Amino acid sequence: MLDCAIVCGYPANDDGTISYILQSRIDKAVELYKQQGVGYIIVSGGAVYNQYCEAEVMKEYAVKRGVPKEKIIVENQAQSTYHNMMYADELMKQYHLKTCYVITNSWHVIKAKYYAKKFHLNFQMVACSKPQHMSYFKVICLHIYMPLQMLKMRLKGYK
């Protein structure tokens, strides 16, 4: 059993409801909490693409799925995957948590893993299930896009 699960953010829908990608990520965290005894769930993400804070939307959804509010740590500043890991690292230190799962979608694992290593987290990656309404073709395209996007950003000087 690991101490916590970090859930990478993704935008909520424009009406504030949970998007299917965000739902797939938090569903995996709830599953790990209930089946693996994860101590805390760190939900990470600010209001990046609309007025709704990703972390708050995830918290509300997790509570409705049976996770006690006191077991959810809200990180609402992150604007990117880099920030997800940076702020989660700070919260883990604050709460004396040593080990974590990092939860995201399969196409996003490469990026989340890169930043989890950068912040020296003691982690295990967990890819959540494919979002129900997403085609396999789109997932394949995202698996191609993500490493190319990371390379592009590295060539521009981003670490």
N, C-alpha and C. Protein backbone atom coordinates (compact mmCIF):
# COMPACT_ATOMS: atom_id res chain seq x y z
N MET A 1 0.85 -1.19 0.00
CA MET A 1 0.00 0.00 0.00
C MET A 1 0.89 1.24 0.00
N LEU A 2 0.58 2.16 -0.89
CA LEU A 2 1.31 3.41 -0.93
C LEU A 2 0.55 4.48 -0.14
N ASP A 3 1.26 5.52 0.25
CA ASP A 3 0.68 6.54 1.12
C ASP A 3 -0.43 7.36 0.47
N CYS A 4 -0.28 7.63 -0.82
CA CYS A 4 -1.27 8.49 -1.47
C CYS A 4 -1.32 8.22 -2.97
N ALA A 5 -2.30 8.82 -3.59
CA ALA A 5 -2.44 8.79 -5.05
C ALA A 5 -2.54 10.24 -5.52
N ILE A 6 -1.70 10.60 -6.46
CA ILE A 6 -1.75 11.93 -7.07
C ILE A 6 -2.52 11.80 -8.37
N VAL A 7 -3.56 12.60 -8.51
CA VAL A 7 -4.36 12.57 -9.74
C VAL A 7 -4.06 13.83 -10.54
N CYS A 8 -3.52 13.64 -11.73
CA CYS A 8 -3.21 14.77 -12.61
C CYS A 8 -4.51 15.40 -13.11
N GLY A 9 -4.52 16.71 -13.13
CA GLY A 9 -5.70 17.44 -13.55
C GLY A 9 -5.94 17.40 -15.05
N TYR A 10 -7.14 17.78 -15.38
CA TYR A 10 -7.59 17.93 -16.77
C TYR A 10 -8.81 18.84 -16.68
N PRO A 11 -9.07 19.67 -17.68
CA PRO A 11 -10.18 20.61 -17.56
C PRO A 11 -11.54 19.95 -17.34
N ALA A 12 -12.33 20.61 -16.53
CA ALA A 12 -13.75 20.24 -16.38
C ALA A 12 -14.48 20.73 -17.63
N ASN A 13 -15.68 20.24 -17.80
CA ASN A 13 -16.51 20.74 -18.90
C ASN A 13 -16.85 22.21 -18.65
N ASP A 14 -17.25 22.91 -19.69
CA ASP A 14 -17.55 24.34 -19.58
C ASP A 14 -18.70 24.66 -18.64
N ASP A 15 -19.53 23.67 -18.32
CA ASP A 15 -20.62 23.90 -17.36
C ASP A 15 -20.24 23.47 -15.95
N GLY A 16 -18.97 23.09 -15.74
CA GLY A 16 -18.49 22.72 -14.42
C GLY A 16 -18.62 21.25 -14.07
N THR A 17 -19.23 20.46 -14.94
CA THR A 17 -19.33 19.03 -14.69
C THR A 17 -17.99 18.37 -15.02
N ILE A 18 -17.81 17.18 -14.50
CA ILE A 18 -16.56 16.47 -14.69
C ILE A 18 -16.46 15.96 -16.14
N SER A 19 -15.33 16.21 -16.78
CA SER A 19 -15.12 15.72 -18.14
C SER A 19 -14.84 14.22 -18.09
N TYR A 20 -15.06 13.54 -19.20
CA TYR A 20 -14.88 12.09 -19.19
C TYR A 20 -13.41 11.70 -18.98
N ILE A 21 -12.47 12.53 -19.42
CA ILE A 21 -11.05 12.23 -19.17
C ILE A 21 -10.73 12.40 -17.69
N LEU A 22 -11.19 13.48 -17.10
CA LEU A 22 -10.98 13.70 -15.67
C LEU A 22 -11.67 12.62 -14.84
N GLN A 23 -12.85 12.22 -15.26
CA GLN A 23 -13.58 11.16 -14.56
C GLN A 23 -12.81 9.85 -14.60
N SER A 24 -12.19 9.52 -15.73
CA SER A 24 -11.44 8.26 -15.81
C SER A 24 -10.28 8.28 -14.83
N ARG A 25 -9.66 9.42 -14.64
CA ARG A 25 -8.53 9.53 -13.72
C ARG A 25 -8.98 9.40 -12.26
N ILE A 26 -10.02 10.10 -11.90
CA ILE A 26 -10.47 10.05 -10.50
C ILE A 26 -11.13 8.71 -10.18
N ASP A 27 -11.76 8.09 -11.17
CA ASP A 27 -12.31 6.74 -10.94
C ASP A 27 -11.20 5.77 -10.51
N LYS A 28 -10.03 5.87 -11.14
CA LYS A 28 -8.90 5.00 -10.78
C LYS A 28 -8.42 5.32 -9.36
N ALA A 29 -8.38 6.58 -9.00
CA ALA A 29 -7.96 6.95 -7.64
C ALA A 29 -8.93 6.41 -6.60
N VAL A 30 -10.22 6.52 -6.87
CA VAL A 30 -11.23 5.99 -5.95
C VAL A 30 -11.08 4.48 -5.82
N GLU A 31 -10.84 3.82 -6.94
CA GLU A 31 -10.62 2.37 -6.92
C GLU A 31 -9.42 2.00 -6.04
N LEU A 32 -8.31 2.72 -6.21
CA LEU A 32 -7.12 2.45 -5.40
C LEU A 32 -7.38 2.74 -3.92
N TYR A 33 -8.13 3.78 -3.65
CA TYR A 33 -8.46 4.10 -2.26
C TYR A 33 -9.27 2.97 -1.63
N LYS A 34 -10.27 2.50 -2.34
CA LYS A 34 -11.16 1.48 -1.79
C LYS A 34 -10.53 0.08 -1.77
N GLN A 35 -9.78 -0.26 -2.81
CA GLN A 35 -9.26 -1.63 -2.92
C GLN A 35 -7.84 -1.80 -2.40
N GLN A 36 -7.02 -0.77 -2.48
CA GLN A 36 -5.63 -0.88 -2.06
C GLN A 36 -5.33 -0.19 -0.74
N GLY A 37 -6.29 0.54 -0.20
CA GLY A 37 -6.08 1.21 1.08
C GLY A 37 -5.17 2.42 1.01
N VAL A 38 -5.13 3.10 -0.13
CA VAL A 38 -4.34 4.32 -0.26
C VAL A 38 -4.81 5.31 0.81
N GLY A 39 -3.86 5.91 1.51
CA GLY A 39 -4.20 6.79 2.62
C GLY A 39 -4.88 8.08 2.22
N TYR A 40 -4.37 8.73 1.19
CA TYR A 40 -4.91 10.01 0.75
C TYR A 40 -4.95 10.06 -0.77
N ILE A 41 -5.83 10.91 -1.26
CA ILE A 41 -5.87 11.21 -2.69
C ILE A 41 -5.55 12.70 -2.84
N ILE A 42 -4.48 12.99 -3.58
CA ILE A 42 -4.14 14.38 -3.88
C ILE A 42 -4.70 14.69 -5.25
N VAL A 43 -5.67 15.58 -5.29
CA VAL A 43 -6.25 16.01 -6.56
C VAL A 43 -5.56 17.31 -6.95
N SER A 44 -5.02 17.36 -8.16
CA SER A 44 -4.16 18.47 -8.53
C SER A 44 -4.62 19.13 -9.83
N GLY A 45 -4.88 20.41 -9.75
CA GLY A 45 -5.24 21.17 -10.95
C GLY A 45 -6.02 22.42 -10.62
N GLY A 46 -5.62 23.53 -11.21
CA GLY A 46 -6.31 24.79 -11.01
C GLY A 46 -7.39 25.00 -12.07
N ALA A 47 -7.88 26.22 -12.15
CA ALA A 47 -8.86 26.61 -13.16
C ALA A 47 -8.07 27.11 -14.37
N VAL A 48 -7.63 26.19 -15.22
CA VAL A 48 -6.70 26.53 -16.30
C VAL A 48 -7.42 26.95 -17.57
N TYR A 49 -8.37 26.15 -18.02
CA TYR A 49 -9.00 26.39 -19.32
C TYR A 49 -10.40 26.98 -19.23
N ASN A 50 -10.95 27.01 -18.02
CA ASN A 50 -12.25 27.66 -17.79
C ASN A 50 -12.30 28.06 -16.32
N GLN A 51 -13.42 28.50 -15.84
CA GLN A 51 -13.52 29.03 -14.48
C GLN A 51 -13.58 27.96 -13.40
N TYR A 52 -13.63 26.70 -13.77
CA TYR A 52 -13.80 25.63 -12.80
C TYR A 52 -12.46 25.00 -12.42
N CYS A 53 -12.21 24.96 -11.12
CA CYS A 53 -10.97 24.39 -10.59
C CYS A 53 -11.03 22.87 -10.73
N GLU A 54 -10.07 22.33 -11.47
CA GLU A 54 -10.03 20.90 -11.74
C GLU A 54 -10.01 20.08 -10.44
N ALA A 55 -9.20 20.51 -9.47
CA ALA A 55 -9.08 19.77 -8.21
C ALA A 55 -10.41 19.76 -7.45
N GLU A 56 -11.12 20.85 -7.45
CA GLU A 56 -12.41 20.91 -6.75
C GLU A 56 -13.45 20.02 -7.41
N VAL A 57 -13.44 19.99 -8.74
CA VAL A 57 -14.36 19.12 -9.47
C VAL A 57 -14.05 17.66 -9.14
N MET A 58 -12.75 17.31 -9.10
CA MET A 58 -12.36 15.94 -8.75
C MET A 58 -12.76 15.59 -7.32
N LYS A 59 -12.54 16.52 -6.40
CA LYS A 59 -12.89 16.26 -5.00
C LYS A 59 -14.39 15.99 -4.86
N GLU A 60 -15.19 16.84 -5.46
CA GLU A 60 -16.64 16.68 -5.38
C GLU A 60 -17.06 15.31 -5.93
N TYR A 61 -16.47 14.91 -7.03
CA TYR A 61 -16.80 13.63 -7.65
C TYR A 61 -16.36 12.46 -6.74
N ALA A 62 -15.17 12.56 -6.18
CA ALA A 62 -14.65 11.49 -5.31
C ALA A 62 -15.49 11.34 -4.05
N VAL A 63 -15.93 12.44 -3.50
CA VAL A 63 -16.79 12.39 -2.30
C VAL A 63 -18.10 11.70 -2.64
N LYS A 64 -18.67 12.01 -3.80
CA LYS A 64 -19.90 11.34 -4.23
C LYS A 64 -19.68 9.85 -4.43
N ARG A 65 -18.45 9.45 -4.72
CA ARG A 65 -18.11 8.03 -4.92
C ARG A 65 -17.71 7.34 -3.61
N GLY A 66 -17.80 8.07 -2.49
CA GLY A 66 -17.59 7.43 -1.18
C GLY A 66 -16.26 7.69 -0.50
N VAL A 67 -15.44 8.59 -1.04
CA VAL A 67 -14.17 8.91 -0.38
C VAL A 67 -14.43 10.04 0.63
N PRO A 68 -14.05 9.85 1.90
CA PRO A 68 -14.26 10.91 2.90
C PRO A 68 -13.48 12.18 2.55
N LYS A 69 -14.10 13.34 2.78
CA LYS A 69 -13.47 14.63 2.45
C LYS A 69 -12.09 14.77 3.08
N GLU A 70 -11.93 14.26 4.29
CA GLU A 70 -10.66 14.42 4.99
C GLU A 70 -9.53 13.55 4.41
N LYS A 71 -9.87 12.68 3.49
CA LYS A 71 -8.86 11.85 2.82
C LYS A 71 -8.46 12.41 1.46
N ILE A 72 -9.02 13.57 1.12
CA ILE A 72 -8.72 14.21 -0.16
C ILE A 72 -7.96 15.50 0.11
N ILE A 73 -6.79 15.61 -0.48
CA ILE A 73 -5.97 16.81 -0.36
C ILE A 73 -6.09 17.57 -1.68
N VAL A 74 -6.53 18.81 -1.59
CA VAL A 74 -6.78 19.62 -2.78
C VAL A 74 -5.57 20.51 -3.07
N GLU A 75 -5.06 20.38 -4.28
CA GLU A 75 -4.00 21.26 -4.78
C GLU A 75 -4.61 22.01 -5.95
N ASN A 76 -4.87 23.30 -5.78
CA ASN A 76 -5.64 24.03 -6.79
C ASN A 76 -4.86 25.11 -7.52
N GLN A 77 -3.53 25.00 -7.53
CA GLN A 77 -2.70 26.01 -8.21
C GLN A 77 -2.13 25.53 -9.55
N ALA A 78 -2.01 24.23 -9.72
CA ALA A 78 -1.30 23.67 -10.88
C ALA A 78 -1.91 24.14 -12.20
N GLN A 79 -1.01 24.51 -13.10
CA GLN A 79 -1.39 24.94 -14.44
C GLN A 79 -0.91 23.97 -15.52
N SER A 80 -0.15 22.94 -15.09
CA SER A 80 0.44 22.00 -16.03
C SER A 80 0.85 20.73 -15.29
N THR A 81 1.30 19.74 -16.03
CA THR A 81 1.79 18.50 -15.43
C THR A 81 3.01 18.78 -14.56
N TYR A 82 3.87 19.65 -15.00
CA TYR A 82 5.02 20.07 -14.20
C TYR A 82 4.56 20.53 -12.82
N HIS A 83 3.56 21.41 -12.83
CA HIS A 83 3.04 21.94 -11.56
C HIS A 83 2.31 20.87 -10.75
N ASN A 84 1.61 19.94 -11.43
CA ASN A 84 0.97 18.85 -10.69
C ASN A 84 1.99 18.16 -9.80
N MET A 85 3.14 17.82 -10.36
CA MET A 85 4.16 17.09 -9.61
C MET A 85 4.87 17.98 -8.59
N MET A 86 5.14 19.22 -8.96
CA MET A 86 5.83 20.14 -8.05
C MET A 86 5.00 20.39 -6.79
N TYR A 87 3.73 20.75 -6.97
CA TYR A 87 2.88 21.04 -5.82
C TYR A 87 2.53 19.78 -5.03
N ALA A 88 2.36 18.66 -5.73
CA ALA A 88 2.09 17.41 -5.02
C ALA A 88 3.28 17.02 -4.16
N ASP A 89 4.48 17.23 -4.66
CA ASP A 89 5.70 16.96 -3.88
C ASP A 89 5.68 17.78 -2.59
N GLU A 90 5.34 19.06 -2.70
CA GLU A 90 5.28 19.92 -1.52
C GLU A 90 4.24 19.42 -0.53
N LEU A 91 3.07 19.02 -1.04
CA LEU A 91 2.01 18.52 -0.15
C LEU A 91 2.40 17.20 0.50
N MET A 92 3.07 16.34 -0.25
CA MET A 92 3.52 15.08 0.34
C MET A 92 4.47 15.34 1.50
N LYS A 93 5.37 16.28 1.34
CA LYS A 93 6.28 16.63 2.44
C LYS A 93 5.51 17.20 3.62
N GLN A 94 4.56 18.06 3.34
CA GLN A 94 3.76 18.69 4.40
C GLN A 94 2.97 17.65 5.20
N TYR A 95 2.44 16.64 4.52
CA TYR A 95 1.63 15.61 5.17
C TYR A 95 2.46 14.37 5.56
N HIS A 96 3.78 14.44 5.38
CA HIS A 96 4.69 13.34 5.72
C HIS A 96 4.34 12.06 4.96
N LEU A 97 4.05 12.20 3.69
CA LEU A 97 3.75 11.07 2.82
C LEU A 97 5.00 10.74 2.01
N LYS A 98 5.36 9.49 1.97
CA LYS A 98 6.62 9.09 1.33
C LYS A 98 6.45 8.45 -0.04
N THR A 99 5.34 7.75 -0.26
CA THR A 99 5.15 7.00 -1.49
C THR A 99 3.82 7.37 -2.14
N CYS A 100 3.79 7.26 -3.47
CA CYS A 100 2.56 7.64 -4.16
C CYS A 100 2.37 6.87 -5.46
N TYR A 101 1.12 6.80 -5.84
CA TYR A 101 0.75 6.43 -7.20
C TYR A 101 0.58 7.75 -7.94
N VAL A 102 0.95 7.78 -9.20
CA VAL A 102 0.66 8.93 -10.05
C VAL A 102 -0.33 8.41 -11.09
N ILE A 103 -1.51 9.00 -11.09
CA ILE A 103 -2.61 8.52 -11.93
C ILE A 103 -2.88 9.49 -13.07
N THR A 104 -2.91 8.93 -14.27
CA THR A 104 -3.27 9.71 -15.44
C THR A 104 -3.67 8.74 -16.56
N ASN A 105 -3.96 9.27 -17.72
CA ASN A 105 -4.32 8.42 -18.86
C ASN A 105 -3.07 7.87 -19.52
N SER A 106 -3.23 6.78 -20.26
CA SER A 106 -2.08 6.07 -20.84
C SER A 106 -1.21 6.98 -21.70
N TRP A 107 -1.81 7.85 -22.50
CA TRP A 107 -1.03 8.71 -23.38
C TRP A 107 -0.28 9.80 -22.62
N HIS A 108 -0.67 10.05 -21.39
CA HIS A 108 -0.09 11.12 -20.58
C HIS A 108 0.97 10.58 -19.62
N VAL A 109 1.08 9.26 -19.52
CA VAL A 109 2.02 8.63 -18.58
C VAL A 109 3.46 9.11 -18.82
N ILE A 110 3.88 9.19 -20.08
CA ILE A 110 5.26 9.57 -20.38
C ILE A 110 5.59 10.95 -19.79
N LYS A 111 4.67 11.87 -19.89
CA LYS A 111 4.89 13.23 -19.39
C LYS A 111 4.84 13.26 -17.87
N ALA A 112 3.85 12.63 -17.28
CA ALA A 112 3.73 12.62 -15.82
C ALA A 112 4.92 11.91 -15.18
N LYS A 113 5.37 10.82 -15.80
CA LYS A 113 6.52 10.08 -15.27
C LYS A 113 7.78 10.94 -15.33
N TYR A 114 7.96 11.66 -16.41
CA TYR A 114 9.12 12.54 -16.56
C TYR A 114 9.19 13.54 -15.41
N TYR A 115 8.07 14.18 -15.10
CA TYR A 115 8.06 15.20 -14.04
C TYR A 115 8.07 14.58 -12.64
N ALA A 116 7.48 13.42 -12.47
CA ALA A 116 7.56 12.74 -11.17
C ALA A 116 9.02 12.41 -10.85
N LYS A 117 9.77 11.98 -11.87
CA LYS A 117 11.20 11.72 -11.67
C LYS A 117 11.95 13.01 -11.39
N LYS A 118 11.59 14.06 -12.09
CA LYS A 118 12.26 15.36 -11.92
C LYS A 118 12.16 15.85 -10.48
N PHE A 119 11.02 15.58 -9.84
CA PHE A 119 10.84 16.01 -8.45
C PHE A 119 11.16 14.91 -7.45
N HIS A 120 11.78 13.84 -7.92
CA HIS A 120 12.28 12.75 -7.07
C HIS A 120 11.20 12.11 -6.21
N LEU A 121 10.01 11.97 -6.79
CA LEU A 121 8.94 11.29 -6.06
C LEU A 121 9.23 9.80 -6.01
N ASN A 122 8.84 9.16 -4.94
CA ASN A 122 8.91 7.70 -4.82
C ASN A 122 7.53 7.22 -5.28
N PHE A 123 7.42 6.85 -6.55
CA PHE A 123 6.11 6.68 -7.17
C PHE A 123 6.00 5.41 -7.98
N GLN A 124 4.76 5.05 -8.25
CA GLN A 124 4.40 4.05 -9.24
C GLN A 124 3.40 4.70 -10.17
N MET A 125 3.60 4.54 -11.46
CA MET A 125 2.66 5.09 -12.43
C MET A 125 1.45 4.16 -12.55
N VAL A 126 0.29 4.78 -12.70
CA VAL A 126 -0.95 4.03 -12.92
C VAL A 126 -1.69 4.70 -14.07
N ALA A 127 -1.89 3.95 -15.12
CA ALA A 127 -2.69 4.44 -16.25
C ALA A 127 -4.14 4.02 -16.01
N CYS A 128 -5.02 4.97 -16.03
CA CYS A 128 -6.43 4.66 -15.83
C CYS A 128 -7.02 4.08 -17.11
N SER A 129 -8.22 3.61 -17.02
CA SER A 129 -8.91 3.04 -18.18
C SER A 129 -9.18 4.10 -19.23
N LYS A 130 -9.27 3.67 -20.46
CA LYS A 130 -9.63 4.56 -21.56
C LYS A 130 -10.98 5.19 -21.25
N PRO A 131 -11.09 6.49 -21.40
CA PRO A 131 -12.39 7.12 -21.19
C PRO A 131 -13.46 6.46 -22.08
N GLN A 132 -14.60 6.23 -21.50
CA GLN A 132 -15.67 5.48 -22.15
C GLN A 132 -16.05 6.02 -23.53
N HIS A 133 -16.07 7.34 -23.67
CA HIS A 133 -16.55 7.95 -24.91
C HIS A 133 -15.43 8.27 -25.89
N MET A 134 -14.22 7.76 -25.63
CA MET A 134 -13.09 8.07 -26.50
C MET A 134 -12.77 6.87 -27.39
N SER A 135 -12.55 7.14 -28.65
CA SER A 135 -12.24 6.05 -29.59
C SER A 135 -10.79 5.58 -29.40
N TYR A 136 -10.54 4.35 -29.78
CA TYR A 136 -9.18 3.83 -29.74
C TYR A 136 -8.29 4.60 -30.71
N PHE A 137 -8.84 5.04 -31.82
CA PHE A 137 -8.06 5.82 -32.78
C PHE A 137 -7.55 7.11 -32.13
N LYS A 138 -8.40 7.79 -31.38
CA LYS A 138 -7.97 9.02 -30.71
C LYS A 138 -6.89 8.73 -29.68
N VAL A 139 -7.03 7.63 -28.95
CA VAL A 139 -6.02 7.26 -27.95
C VAL A 139 -4.67 7.02 -28.65
N ILE A 140 -4.69 6.32 -29.77
CA ILE A 140 -3.45 6.06 -30.52
C ILE A 140 -2.83 7.38 -30.98
N CYS A 141 -3.66 8.27 -31.49
CA CYS A 141 -3.16 9.58 -31.92
C CYS A 141 -2.52 10.34 -30.76
N LEU A 142 -3.14 10.28 -29.59
CA LEU A 142 -2.59 10.96 -28.42
C LEU A 142 -1.27 10.33 -27.97
N HIS A 143 -1.14 9.02 -28.14
CA HIS A 143 0.13 8.34 -27.82
C HIS A 143 1.25 8.81 -28.74
N ILE A 144 0.93 9.20 -29.94
CA ILE A 144 1.92 9.72 -30.87
C ILE A 144 2.18 11.20 -30.59
N TYR A 145 1.12 11.94 -30.31
CA TYR A 145 1.21 13.39 -30.10
C TYR A 145 2.03 13.75 -28.86
N MET A 146 1.79 13.07 -27.75
CA MET A 146 2.39 13.49 -26.48
C MET A 146 3.92 13.50 -26.51
N PRO A 147 4.60 12.43 -26.94
CA PRO A 147 6.07 12.50 -26.97
C PRO A 147 6.58 13.55 -27.96
N LEU A 148 5.87 13.73 -29.06
CA LEU A 148 6.28 14.75 -30.02
C LEU A 148 6.15 16.14 -29.41
N GLN A 149 5.08 16.37 -28.67
CA GLN A 149 4.87 17.66 -28.01
C GLN A 149 5.95 17.89 -26.94
N MET A 150 6.29 16.84 -26.20
CA MET A 150 7.35 16.97 -25.20
C MET A 150 8.68 17.31 -25.85
N LEU A 151 9.00 16.65 -26.96
CA LEU A 151 10.24 16.94 -27.68
C LEU A 151 10.25 18.38 -28.16
N LYS A 152 9.16 18.82 -28.72
CA LYS A 152 9.04 20.20 -29.20
C LYS A 152 9.31 21.20 -28.05
N MET A 153 8.74 20.94 -26.90
CA MET A 153 8.92 21.84 -25.76
C MET A 153 10.37 21.81 -25.26
N ARG A 154 10.99 20.64 -25.25
CA ARG A 154 12.39 20.52 -24.81
C ARG A 154 13.28 21.29 -25.78
N LEU A 155 13.00 21.20 -27.09
CA LEU A 155 13.79 21.92 -28.07
C LEU A 155 13.65 23.44 -27.91
N LYS A 156 12.51 23.87 -27.39
CA LYS A 156 12.30 25.30 -27.11
C LYS A 156 12.98 25.75 -25.82
N GLY A 157 13.50 24.77 -25.06
CA GLY A 157 14.23 25.14 -23.84
C GLY A 157 13.50 24.83 -22.55
N TYR A 158 12.29 24.29 -22.64
CA TYR A 158 11.58 23.92 -21.42
C TYR A 158 12.18 22.66 -20.87
N LYS A 159 12.26 22.58 -19.57
CA LYS A 159 12.82 21.40 -18.92
C LYS A 159 11.70 20.51 -18.52
